[in-house]
Protein backbone atom coordinates (compact mmCIF):
# COMPACT_ATOMS: atom_id res chain seq x y z
CA MET A 1 53.43 21.18 -53.57
CA LYS A 2 55.79 17.60 -53.94
CA ILE A 3 58.55 17.02 -52.18
CA ILE A 4 61.05 14.08 -53.91
CA LEU A 5 61.95 11.18 -51.45
CA GLU A 6 64.88 8.25 -52.85
CA ARG A 7 65.42 5.78 -55.59
CA SER A 8 62.47 3.89 -56.63
CA ILE A 9 64.10 0.91 -56.56
CA GLU A 10 65.52 -1.07 -53.50
CA TYR A 11 69.22 -1.16 -53.23
CA ASN A 12 69.79 -4.54 -54.25
CA GLN A 13 68.04 -4.09 -57.82
CA LEU A 14 69.92 -0.86 -58.23
CA LYS A 15 73.19 -2.51 -57.44
CA ASN A 16 72.32 -5.31 -59.89
CA LEU A 17 71.19 -3.16 -62.48
CA PHE A 18 74.31 -1.04 -62.55
CA PHE A 19 76.47 -4.24 -63.66
CA ILE A 20 73.99 -4.96 -66.30
CA THR A 21 74.18 -1.77 -67.64
CA LEU A 22 77.87 -0.89 -67.50
CA ILE A 23 78.13 -4.78 -69.34
CA LEU A 24 75.48 -3.68 -71.37
CA THR A 25 77.47 -0.60 -72.34
CA PHE A 26 80.70 -2.35 -72.81
CA VAL A 27 79.22 -4.92 -75.58
CA PHE A 28 77.59 -2.04 -76.90
CA PHE A 29 80.95 0.18 -77.84
CA GLY A 30 82.12 -3.33 -79.04
CA ILE A 31 79.87 -3.85 -81.43
CA LEU A 32 80.20 0.21 -82.99
CA ASN A 33 83.81 -1.18 -83.36
CA SER A 34 82.27 -3.88 -85.71
CA GLU A 35 81.68 -4.34 -89.37
CA LEU A 36 77.46 -2.62 -89.94
CA ASN A 37 74.95 -5.20 -91.38
CA VAL A 38 71.88 -5.10 -91.14
CA ILE A 39 70.66 -7.61 -87.98
CA VAL A 40 74.17 -5.66 -86.08
CA MET A 41 73.03 -2.47 -86.16
CA TYR A 42 69.56 -4.14 -85.04
CA VAL A 43 70.79 -5.61 -82.19
CA GLU A 44 72.75 -2.30 -81.69
CA GLY A 45 69.89 -0.20 -81.77
CA ALA A 46 68.24 -2.54 -78.84
CA LEU A 47 71.10 -2.71 -76.65
CA GLY A 48 71.00 0.96 -77.27
CA VAL A 49 67.12 1.49 -76.33
CA LEU A 50 67.95 -1.36 -73.93
CA ILE A 51 71.25 1.04 -71.98
CA LEU A 52 68.58 4.10 -71.98
CA LEU A 53 65.72 2.64 -70.35
CA PHE A 54 68.18 0.51 -67.98
CA ILE A 55 69.66 4.38 -67.08
CA PHE A 56 66.40 5.99 -66.46
CA ILE A 57 65.19 3.52 -63.92
CA ILE A 58 68.53 4.11 -62.41
CA LEU A 59 67.26 7.82 -61.99
CA LEU A 60 64.09 7.17 -61.55
CA LYS A 61 62.85 8.63 -57.88
CA LYS A 62 59.48 8.24 -55.44
CA GLY A 63 58.07 10.44 -54.26
CA ILE A 64 54.56 12.46 -52.59
CA VAL A 65 52.54 14.92 -54.69
CA ILE A 66 49.00 16.65 -53.03
CA ASN A 67 46.72 18.73 -55.01
CA GLN A 68 43.64 19.86 -53.53
CA ARG A 69 43.29 17.66 -51.06
CA ASN A 70 44.13 13.84 -53.07
CA ILE A 71 47.53 12.08 -52.46
CA PHE A 72 49.27 10.76 -55.23
CA ILE A 73 52.47 8.59 -54.96
CA GLY A 74 54.71 10.48 -57.48
CA PHE A 75 57.97 9.17 -59.88
CA PHE A 76 60.41 11.80 -60.70
CA PHE A 77 63.42 11.63 -63.53
CA LEU A 78 66.14 14.76 -62.43
CA GLY A 79 63.06 16.91 -60.97
CA LEU A 80 60.60 16.49 -63.46
CA LEU A 81 57.22 14.37 -62.26
CA ILE A 82 56.72 11.30 -64.73
CA ILE A 83 53.63 9.69 -63.77
CA LYS A 84 51.52 9.62 -60.57
CA ARG A 85 49.32 7.25 -59.10
CA LYS A 86 46.03 8.07 -56.73
CA VAL A 87 45.93 7.25 -53.44
CA GLN A 88 42.36 5.99 -52.27
CA ILE A 89 42.54 7.76 -48.73
CA GLU A 90 38.41 7.85 -48.20
CA GLY A 91 37.75 6.10 -44.91
CA MET A 92 41.45 6.09 -43.53
CA PRO A 93 42.14 8.97 -41.74
CA LEU A 94 44.95 8.23 -40.07
CA ILE A 95 48.42 7.65 -41.26
CA THR A 96 51.48 6.00 -38.96
CA LEU A 97 54.75 4.02 -39.90
CA LEU A 98 55.78 0.57 -39.40
CA THR A 99 59.63 -0.68 -39.63
CA TYR A 100 60.86 -4.23 -40.89
CA ASP A 101 63.84 -5.59 -41.19
CA LYS A 102 64.55 -7.20 -44.40
CA LYS A 103 66.28 -10.13 -44.97
CA LYS A 104 67.72 -11.15 -48.76
CA ASN A 105 69.94 -14.80 -48.33
CA TYR A 106 71.50 -15.23 -52.27
CA ASN A 107 72.12 -18.29 -51.05
CA TYR A 108 73.62 -19.93 -54.17
CA VAL A 109 76.47 -22.01 -52.52
CA VAL A 110 76.26 -25.45 -53.04
CA ARG A 111 78.52 -26.99 -50.50
CA PRO A 112 77.82 -26.24 -47.33
CA TRP A 113 81.43 -24.79 -46.11
CA GLU A 114 81.07 -21.50 -48.68
CA PRO A 115 79.79 -19.06 -46.86
CA LYS A 116 76.12 -17.66 -46.77
CA LEU A 117 75.48 -14.53 -48.43
CA GLU A 118 72.51 -13.05 -46.57
CA PHE A 119 71.77 -8.42 -47.32
CA LYS A 120 70.27 -7.38 -44.24
CA MET A 121 68.34 -3.35 -44.34
CA LYS A 122 65.41 -2.09 -42.38
CA SER A 123 62.31 -1.28 -44.17
CA PHE A 124 60.14 1.61 -43.63
CA GLU A 125 56.59 1.22 -45.05
CA ILE A 126 54.42 4.13 -44.51
CA ASN A 127 50.39 3.15 -44.18
CA LEU A 128 47.22 4.44 -44.04
CA LEU A 129 44.95 3.01 -41.24
CA ASN A 130 41.12 3.52 -40.25
CA VAL A 131 39.84 4.90 -36.70
CA LYS A 132 40.29 1.54 -34.83
CA HIS A 133 43.24 0.28 -37.11
CA THR A 134 41.93 -2.87 -37.62
CA SER A 135 42.61 -1.97 -41.47
CA LYS A 136 45.77 -0.83 -43.27
CA LYS A 137 46.42 0.11 -46.52
CA LYS A 138 50.28 0.74 -47.60
CA LEU A 139 50.59 4.39 -48.92
CA LEU A 140 54.57 4.12 -49.42
CA ARG A 141 58.16 1.80 -48.62
CA LEU A 142 61.07 3.74 -48.12
CA GLU A 143 64.39 2.48 -47.26
CA ASN A 144 65.35 5.68 -45.03
CA GLU A 145 64.41 6.62 -41.67
CA GLU A 146 65.13 10.48 -42.37
CA SER A 147 63.05 10.76 -45.62
CA SER A 148 60.09 8.32 -44.29
CA THR A 149 60.19 11.00 -41.72
CA LYS A 150 60.18 13.42 -44.06
CA ALA A 151 57.01 12.19 -46.00
CA ILE A 152 54.61 12.00 -43.07
CA ASP A 153 55.80 15.54 -42.09
CA PHE A 154 54.96 16.59 -45.57
CA ILE A 155 51.70 14.58 -45.44
CA ILE A 156 50.77 15.30 -41.71
CA ASN A 157 51.33 19.29 -42.65
CA ASN A 158 49.63 19.30 -46.49
CA SER A 159 46.78 17.36 -45.70
CA GLU A 160 43.89 16.25 -42.68
CA LEU A 161 45.89 13.40 -41.86
CA ARG A 162 47.09 12.62 -38.68
CA PHE A 163 49.37 10.37 -37.42
CA GLU A 164 49.29 7.99 -34.98
CA ASN A 165 51.48 4.76 -33.41
CA TYR A 166 49.33 1.06 -34.89
CA SER A 167 47.87 -0.08 -32.36
CA PRO A 168 44.81 -2.09 -33.24
CA ASN A 169 42.21 -2.83 -31.14
CA PHE A 170 39.74 -5.33 -32.36
CA LEU A 171 37.06 -5.44 -29.53
């Protein structure tokens, strides 16, 4: 069983990769209209491969695959499973959802009167826990709350893990 959740890169990475791909595409088509020699053909081939790789990364999505009580983090391209990584769940019978406020400061300013370019977003991290909640292990980080609740429901319904709120007991 599988569930595809959301893209595998964060929003800022997607935005930067999109603009780089767009610029490389314009350069690629500009080179197509120039005179071809050996060096230009190699540059054109390298740009073509880079553009295809960046498009592949932009369209790559992450999700969860469960097979015979094993949990895998899967990466999907156009709905097809490309690669999966097994998650070790021994000694971790519980699952929880932690919410973080992430900030990225694009402070490239030189003068103090220039605006601060800060980007804020919420991040939802699904973690595995031991019984006392003293040890946690990150399973998956998502950007959308709806995707995180879908993922938790999928894991609970298709595995033996239980959901609990995170409250560590160190005593």
